[in-house]
Amino acid sequence: MKTEKIKIFLVDDDALYLKSLEVEFMQQADFSIETYATGEECLKNISHDPDVIILDYHLDGIDKNAMNGLDTLDKIKEINPDIPVLMLSSQDKIDVAISCMHHRAFDYVVKSETAFLRLKKIITTLFKYKKMEKELSWYIERM
């Protein structure tokens, strides 16, 4: 069974944070990365079929009229409800996390020194389960 790189969209209006996340993920051999500064750019390129999207909650640092993270999340889910979206925010408020989950985010991660490690662990675990599901369905089909 051929192993392909997991394609991640990183969407954040903080250019420095976006670049640091990109560098962290690029050091991992099993990821390919596309970065976007706005939700609108992400949505324009959704046809590139990301395996997972890491999406900033605010997204209005560059353009105050830009689509925010929740609106972008809603549009992503309209286009493809199966893409896991991990919301990323500097807000450490439970009501923000709950709101993201109500909008069908897969998980919510607070920006911190450990955010990258947490994101990597979530993604790795998610795709281990997806791989196991694929293998199981492959075996069931052949029984």
C-alpha atoms as a PDB file:
ATOM      1  CA  MET A   1       0.000   0.000   0.000  1.00  0.00           C
ATOM      2  CA  LYS A   2       1.558   3.317  -1.124  1.00  0.00           C
ATOM      3  CA  THR A   3       1.812   6.014   1.532  1.00  0.00           C
ATOM      4  CA  GLU A   4       1.140   9.537   0.300  1.00  0.00           C
ATOM      5  CA  LYS A   5       1.945  12.726   2.131  1.00  0.00           C
ATOM      6  CA  ILE A   6      -0.879  14.255   4.140  1.00  0.00           C
ATOM      7  CA  LYS A   7      -1.858  17.542   2.473  1.00  0.00           C
ATOM      8  CA  ILE A   8      -2.410  20.322   4.991  1.00  0.00           C
ATOM      9  CA  PHE A   9      -3.851  23.764   4.340  1.00  0.00           C
ATOM     10  CA  LEU A  10      -2.589  26.310   6.873  1.00  0.00           C
ATOM     11  CA  VAL A  11      -4.789  29.412   7.026  1.00  0.00           C
ATOM     12  CA  ASP A  12      -3.722  32.316   9.242  1.00  0.00           C
ATOM     13  CA  ASP A  13      -3.522  36.086   8.749  1.00  0.00           C
ATOM     14  CA  ASP A  14      -0.477  36.345  11.050  1.00  0.00           C
ATOM     15  CA  ALA A  15       2.340  35.951   8.499  1.00  0.00           C
ATOM     16  CA  LEU A  16       4.993  35.195  11.105  1.00  0.00           C
ATOM     17  CA  TYR A  17       2.911  32.518  12.838  1.00  0.00           C
ATOM     18  CA  LEU A  18       1.873  31.054   9.483  1.00  0.00           C
ATOM     19  CA  LYS A  19       5.510  30.792   8.367  1.00  0.00           C
ATOM     20  CA  SER A  20       6.597  29.210  11.649  1.00  0.00           C
ATOM     21  CA  LEU A  21       3.846  26.574  11.384  1.00  0.00           C
ATOM     22  CA  GLU A  22       4.786  25.920   7.762  1.00  0.00           C
ATOM     23  CA  VAL A  23       8.456  25.422   8.699  1.00  0.00           C
ATOM     24  CA  GLU A  24       7.515  23.059  11.540  1.00  0.00           C
ATOM     25  CA  PHE A  25       5.293  20.931   9.288  1.00  0.00           C
ATOM     26  CA  MET A  26       7.746  20.983   6.362  1.00  0.00           C
ATOM     27  CA  GLN A  27      10.362  19.383   8.593  1.00  0.00           C
ATOM     28  CA  GLN A  28       8.044  16.379   8.787  1.00  0.00           C
ATOM     29  CA  ALA A  29       8.439  14.095   5.771  1.00  0.00           C
ATOM     30  CA  ASP A  30       4.829  12.953   5.766  1.00  0.00           C
ATOM     31  CA  PHE A  31       3.201  16.366   5.170  1.00  0.00           C
ATOM     32  CA  SER A  32       2.755  18.611   2.148  1.00  0.00           C
ATOM     33  CA  ILE A  33       1.709  22.175   2.934  1.00  0.00           C
ATOM     34  CA  GLU A  34      -0.235  24.976   1.260  1.00  0.00           C
ATOM     35  CA  THR A  35      -0.516  28.294   3.110  1.00  0.00           C
ATOM     36  CA  TYR A  36      -3.162  31.004   2.841  1.00  0.00           C
ATOM     37  CA  ALA A  37      -3.510  34.364   4.589  1.00  0.00           C
ATOM     38  CA  THR A  38      -7.321  34.551   4.234  1.00  0.00           C
ATOM     39  CA  GLY A  39     -10.324  32.275   4.290  1.00  0.00           C
ATOM     40  CA  GLU A  40     -11.213  33.482   0.820  1.00  0.00           C
ATOM     41  CA  GLU A  41      -7.850  32.269  -0.568  1.00  0.00           C
ATOM     42  CA  CYS A  42      -8.330  28.913   1.128  1.00  0.00           C
ATOM     43  CA  LEU A  43     -11.790  28.504  -0.393  1.00  0.00           C
ATOM     44  CA  LYS A  44     -10.511  29.462  -3.875  1.00  0.00           C
ATOM     45  CA  ASN A  45      -8.057  26.569  -3.640  1.00  0.00           C
ATOM     46  CA  ILE A  46     -10.243  23.979  -1.919  1.00  0.00           C
ATOM     47  CA  SER A  47     -10.231  21.987  -5.182  1.00  0.00           C
ATOM     48  CA  HIS A  48      -6.608  21.036  -4.313  1.00  0.00           C
ATOM     49  CA  ASP A  49      -8.243  18.483  -1.984  1.00  0.00           C
ATOM     50  CA  PRO A  50      -6.592  19.064   1.386  1.00  0.00           C
ATOM     51  CA  ASP A  51      -6.623  16.149   3.808  1.00  0.00           C
ATOM     52  CA  VAL A  52      -6.901  18.531   6.747  1.00  0.00           C
ATOM     53  CA  ILE A  53      -7.207  22.295   7.249  1.00  0.00           C
ATOM     54  CA  ILE A  54      -5.724  24.243  10.146  1.00  0.00           C
ATOM     55  CA  LEU A  55      -7.759  27.426  10.313  1.00  0.00           C
ATOM     56  CA  ASP A  56      -7.257  30.562  12.399  1.00  0.00           C
ATOM     57  CA  TYR A  57     -10.315  31.758  14.298  1.00  0.00           C
ATOM     58  CA  HIS A  58     -10.115  35.510  13.523  1.00  0.00           C
ATOM     59  CA  LEU A  59      -8.541  36.022  10.056  1.00  0.00           C
ATOM     60  CA  ASP A  60      -9.160  39.781   9.971  1.00  0.00           C
ATOM     61  CA  GLY A  61      -5.637  41.074  10.636  1.00  0.00           C
ATOM     62  CA  ILE A  62      -4.909  41.916   6.996  1.00  0.00           C
ATOM     63  CA  ASP A  63      -8.388  42.979   5.895  1.00  0.00           C
ATOM     64  CA  LYS A  64     -11.029  43.965   8.457  1.00  0.00           C
ATOM     65  CA  ASN A  65     -13.705  42.859   5.958  1.00  0.00           C
ATOM     66  CA  ALA A  66     -12.153  39.413   5.443  1.00  0.00           C
ATOM     67  CA  MET A  67     -14.215  36.339   6.188  1.00  0.00           C
ATOM     68  CA  ASN A  68     -13.612  35.150   9.760  1.00  0.00           C
ATOM     69  CA  GLY A  69     -12.630  31.615  10.722  1.00  0.00           C
ATOM     70  CA  LEU A  70     -16.147  30.430  11.603  1.00  0.00           C
ATOM     71  CA  ASP A  71     -17.595  31.695   8.310  1.00  0.00           C
ATOM     72  CA  THR A  72     -14.739  30.022   6.457  1.00  0.00           C
ATOM     73  CA  LEU A  73     -15.331  26.805   8.411  1.00  0.00           C
ATOM     74  CA  ASP A  74     -19.030  26.875   7.474  1.00  0.00           C
ATOM     75  CA  LYS A  75     -18.179  27.322   3.765  1.00  0.00           C
ATOM     76  CA  ILE A  76     -15.618  24.494   3.876  1.00  0.00           C
ATOM     77  CA  LYS A  77     -18.222  22.189   5.429  1.00  0.00           C
ATOM     78  CA  GLU A  78     -20.748  23.180   2.725  1.00  0.00           C
ATOM     79  CA  ILE A  79     -18.227  22.257   0.027  1.00  0.00           C
ATOM     80  CA  ASN A  80     -16.917  19.090   1.683  1.00  0.00           C
ATOM     81  CA  PRO A  81     -18.182  18.067   5.130  1.00  0.00           C
ATOM     82  CA  ASP A  82     -15.554  15.304   5.344  1.00  0.00           C
ATOM     83  CA  ILE A  83     -12.493  17.576   5.490  1.00  0.00           C
ATOM     84  CA  PRO A  84     -11.330  17.723   9.109  1.00  0.00           C
ATOM     85  CA  VAL A  85     -10.804  21.340  10.174  1.00  0.00           C
ATOM     86  CA  LEU A  86      -8.697  22.150  13.215  1.00  0.00           C
ATOM     87  CA  MET A  87      -9.443  25.611  14.570  1.00  0.00           C
ATOM     88  CA  LEU A  88      -6.498  27.561  15.898  1.00  0.00           C
ATOM     89  CA  SER A  89      -6.826  30.648  18.077  1.00  0.00           C
ATOM     90  CA  SER A  90      -5.020  32.736  20.631  1.00  0.00           C
ATOM     91  CA  GLN A  91      -8.304  32.793  22.581  1.00  0.00           C
ATOM     92  CA  ASP A  92      -8.260  30.460  25.556  1.00  0.00           C
ATOM     93  CA  LYS A  93     -12.010  30.735  26.161  1.00  0.00           C
ATOM     94  CA  ILE A  94     -14.241  27.688  26.461  1.00  0.00           C
ATOM     95  CA  ASP A  95     -17.186  29.432  24.742  1.00  0.00           C
ATOM     96  CA  VAL A  96     -15.020  30.067  21.647  1.00  0.00           C
ATOM     97  CA  ALA A  97     -13.980  26.402  21.552  1.00  0.00           C
ATOM     98  CA  ILE A  98     -17.590  25.267  21.986  1.00  0.00           C
ATOM     99  CA  SER A  99     -18.725  27.592  19.213  1.00  0.00           C
ATOM    100  CA  CYS A 100     -16.112  26.115  16.876  1.00  0.00           C
ATOM    101  CA  MET A 101     -17.250  22.588  17.701  1.00  0.00           C
ATOM    102  CA  HIS A 102     -20.888  23.582  17.025  1.00  0.00           C
ATOM    103  CA  HIS A 103     -19.721  24.720  13.592  1.00  0.00           C
ATOM    104  CA  ARG A 104     -18.315  21.188  13.053  1.00  0.00           C
ATOM    105  CA  ALA A 105     -14.630  21.830  13.678  1.00  0.00           C
ATOM    106  CA  PHE A 106     -12.762  18.581  14.318  1.00  0.00           C
ATOM    107  CA  ASP A 107     -10.817  20.116  17.200  1.00  0.00           C
ATOM    108  CA  TYR A 108      -9.772  23.412  18.759  1.00  0.00           C
ATOM    109  CA  VAL A 109      -6.157  24.292  19.604  1.00  0.00           C
ATOM    110  CA  VAL A 110      -4.967  27.364  21.487  1.00  0.00           C
ATOM    111  CA  LYS A 111      -1.911  29.092  20.016  1.00  0.00           C
ATOM    112  CA  SER A 112       0.930  28.438  22.426  1.00  0.00           C
ATOM    113  CA  GLU A 113       4.437  26.996  22.579  1.00  0.00           C
ATOM    114  CA  THR A 114       2.932  23.500  22.377  1.00  0.00           C
ATOM    115  CA  ALA A 115       0.368  24.196  19.636  1.00  0.00           C
ATOM    116  CA  PHE A 116       2.442  22.607  16.868  1.00  0.00           C
ATOM    117  CA  LEU A 117       3.003  19.413  18.859  1.00  0.00           C
ATOM    118  CA  ARG A 118      -0.701  19.198  19.657  1.00  0.00           C
ATOM    119  CA  LEU A 119      -1.683  19.785  16.004  1.00  0.00           C
ATOM    120  CA  LYS A 120       0.809  17.173  14.820  1.00  0.00           C
ATOM    121  CA  LYS A 121      -0.484  14.634  17.337  1.00  0.00           C
ATOM    122  CA  ILE A 122      -4.134  15.251  16.364  1.00  0.00           C
ATOM    123  CA  ILE A 123      -3.336  14.905  12.647  1.00  0.00           C
ATOM    124  CA  THR A 124      -1.189  11.809  13.115  1.00  0.00           C
ATOM    125  CA  THR A 125      -3.874  10.124  15.220  1.00  0.00           C
ATOM    126  CA  LEU A 126      -6.635  11.129  12.796  1.00  0.00           C
ATOM    127  CA  PHE A 127      -4.833   9.616   9.821  1.00  0.00           C
ATOM    128  CA  LYS A 128      -3.821   6.448  11.658  1.00  0.00           C
ATOM    129  CA  TYR A 129      -7.536   5.828  12.223  1.00  0.00           C
ATOM    130  CA  LYS A 130      -8.378   6.690   8.602  1.00  0.00           C
ATOM    131  CA  LYS A 131      -5.689   4.271   7.395  1.00  0.00           C
ATOM    132  CA  MET A 132      -7.019   1.539   9.687  1.00  0.00           C
ATOM    133  CA  GLU A 133     -10.564   2.144   8.400  1.00  0.00           C
ATOM    134  CA  LYS A 134      -9.342   1.853   4.794  1.00  0.00           C
ATOM    135  CA  GLU A 135      -7.456  -1.355   5.497  1.00  0.00           C
ATOM    136  CA  LEU A 136     -10.421  -2.820   7.357  1.00  0.00           C
ATOM    137  CA  SER A 137     -12.821  -2.040   4.515  1.00  0.00           C
ATOM    138  CA  TRP A 138     -10.293  -3.519   2.045  1.00  0.00           C
ATOM    139  CA  TYR A 139     -10.217  -6.780   4.045  1.00  0.00           C
ATOM    140  CA  ILE A 140     -14.005  -6.875   4.432  1.00  0.00           C
ATOM    141  CA  GLU A 141     -14.483  -6.440   0.664  1.00  0.00           C
ATOM    142  CA  ARG A 142     -12.282  -9.458   0.026  1.00  0.00           C
ATOM    143  CA  MET A 143     -13.959 -11.781   2.534  1.00  0.00           C
END
